[in-house]
Amino acid sequence: MMISTSYDVSGMTCGHCELSVQEELAELGGVLQVRADHVTGKVTVTSAEPLDVTAVAAAVEEAGYALT
């Protein structure tokens, strides 16, 4: 089973921002794919199981951004 969840992330302004967020989120257990779009501020995470939003927020903050 795969679950796709979208999050709003503030502060991303370029492709490098997208990569930073994608790399941090990819390290979470169960994450299969991450797509970030700095234009829309959306990050879509595909995972094998539901993710803890606290862990997602912490990973986004580690990259230097914030869930909104």
Protein backbone atom coordinates (compact mmCIF):
# COMPACT_ATOMS: atom_id res chain seq x y z
CA MET A 1 0.00 0.00 0.00
CA MET A 2 1.26 3.46 -0.86
CA ILE A 3 0.05 6.68 0.71
CA SER A 4 0.51 10.08 -0.92
CA THR A 5 0.25 13.13 1.34
CA SER A 6 0.69 16.79 0.41
CA TYR A 7 2.03 19.44 2.75
CA ASP A 8 2.36 23.22 2.47
CA VAL A 9 5.92 24.43 3.12
CA SER A 10 6.88 28.08 3.49
CA GLY A 11 10.22 29.61 2.55
CA MET A 12 11.18 27.61 -0.54
CA THR A 13 12.31 30.00 -3.29
CA CYS A 14 14.34 27.89 -5.74
CA GLY A 15 15.34 24.45 -6.94
CA HIS A 16 18.02 24.19 -4.25
CA CYS A 17 15.33 24.74 -1.63
CA GLU A 18 13.31 21.91 -3.14
CA LEU A 19 16.31 19.57 -3.02
CA SER A 20 17.04 20.40 0.62
CA VAL A 21 13.47 19.58 1.65
CA GLN A 22 13.37 16.44 -0.51
CA GLU A 23 16.65 15.13 0.94
CA GLU A 24 15.54 15.60 4.56
CA LEU A 25 12.12 14.03 4.01
CA ALA A 26 13.61 11.11 2.07
CA GLU A 27 15.48 10.10 5.23
CA LEU A 28 12.25 9.41 7.13
CA GLY A 29 11.41 5.75 7.51
CA GLY A 30 8.90 4.42 4.98
CA VAL A 31 9.28 7.33 2.53
CA LEU A 32 9.35 6.13 -1.08
CA GLN A 33 9.29 9.41 -3.01
CA VAL A 34 9.29 13.15 -2.33
CA ARG A 35 8.40 15.92 -4.77
CA ALA A 36 8.72 19.56 -3.77
CA ASP A 37 7.59 22.56 -5.81
CA HIS A 38 8.86 25.94 -4.66
CA VAL A 39 6.42 27.81 -6.93
CA THR A 40 3.34 26.36 -5.23
CA GLY A 41 4.96 25.67 -1.86
CA LYS A 42 3.64 22.11 -2.02
CA VAL A 43 5.55 19.00 -1.02
CA THR A 44 4.08 15.60 -1.86
CA VAL A 45 5.41 12.61 0.05
CA THR A 46 4.67 9.04 -1.04
CA SER A 47 5.19 6.55 1.76
CA ALA A 48 4.58 2.92 2.59
CA GLU A 49 2.72 3.87 5.76
CA PRO A 50 1.18 6.99 7.32
CA LEU A 51 3.83 9.46 8.48
CA ASP A 52 3.89 11.24 11.81
CA VAL A 53 3.29 14.91 11.00
CA THR A 54 5.65 15.86 13.86
CA ALA A 55 8.47 13.94 12.15
CA VAL A 56 7.61 15.55 8.80
CA ALA A 57 7.65 19.02 10.38
CA ALA A 58 11.00 18.29 12.07
CA ALA A 59 12.56 17.16 8.77
CA VAL A 60 11.27 20.26 6.96
CA GLU A 61 12.63 22.47 9.77
CA GLU A 62 16.00 20.67 9.58
CA ALA A 63 16.14 21.75 5.92
CA GLY A 64 15.49 25.35 7.03
CA TYR A 65 11.79 25.69 6.17
CA ALA A 66 8.43 25.30 7.91
CA LEU A 67 5.16 23.46 7.45
CA THR A 68 2.29 25.92 7.16
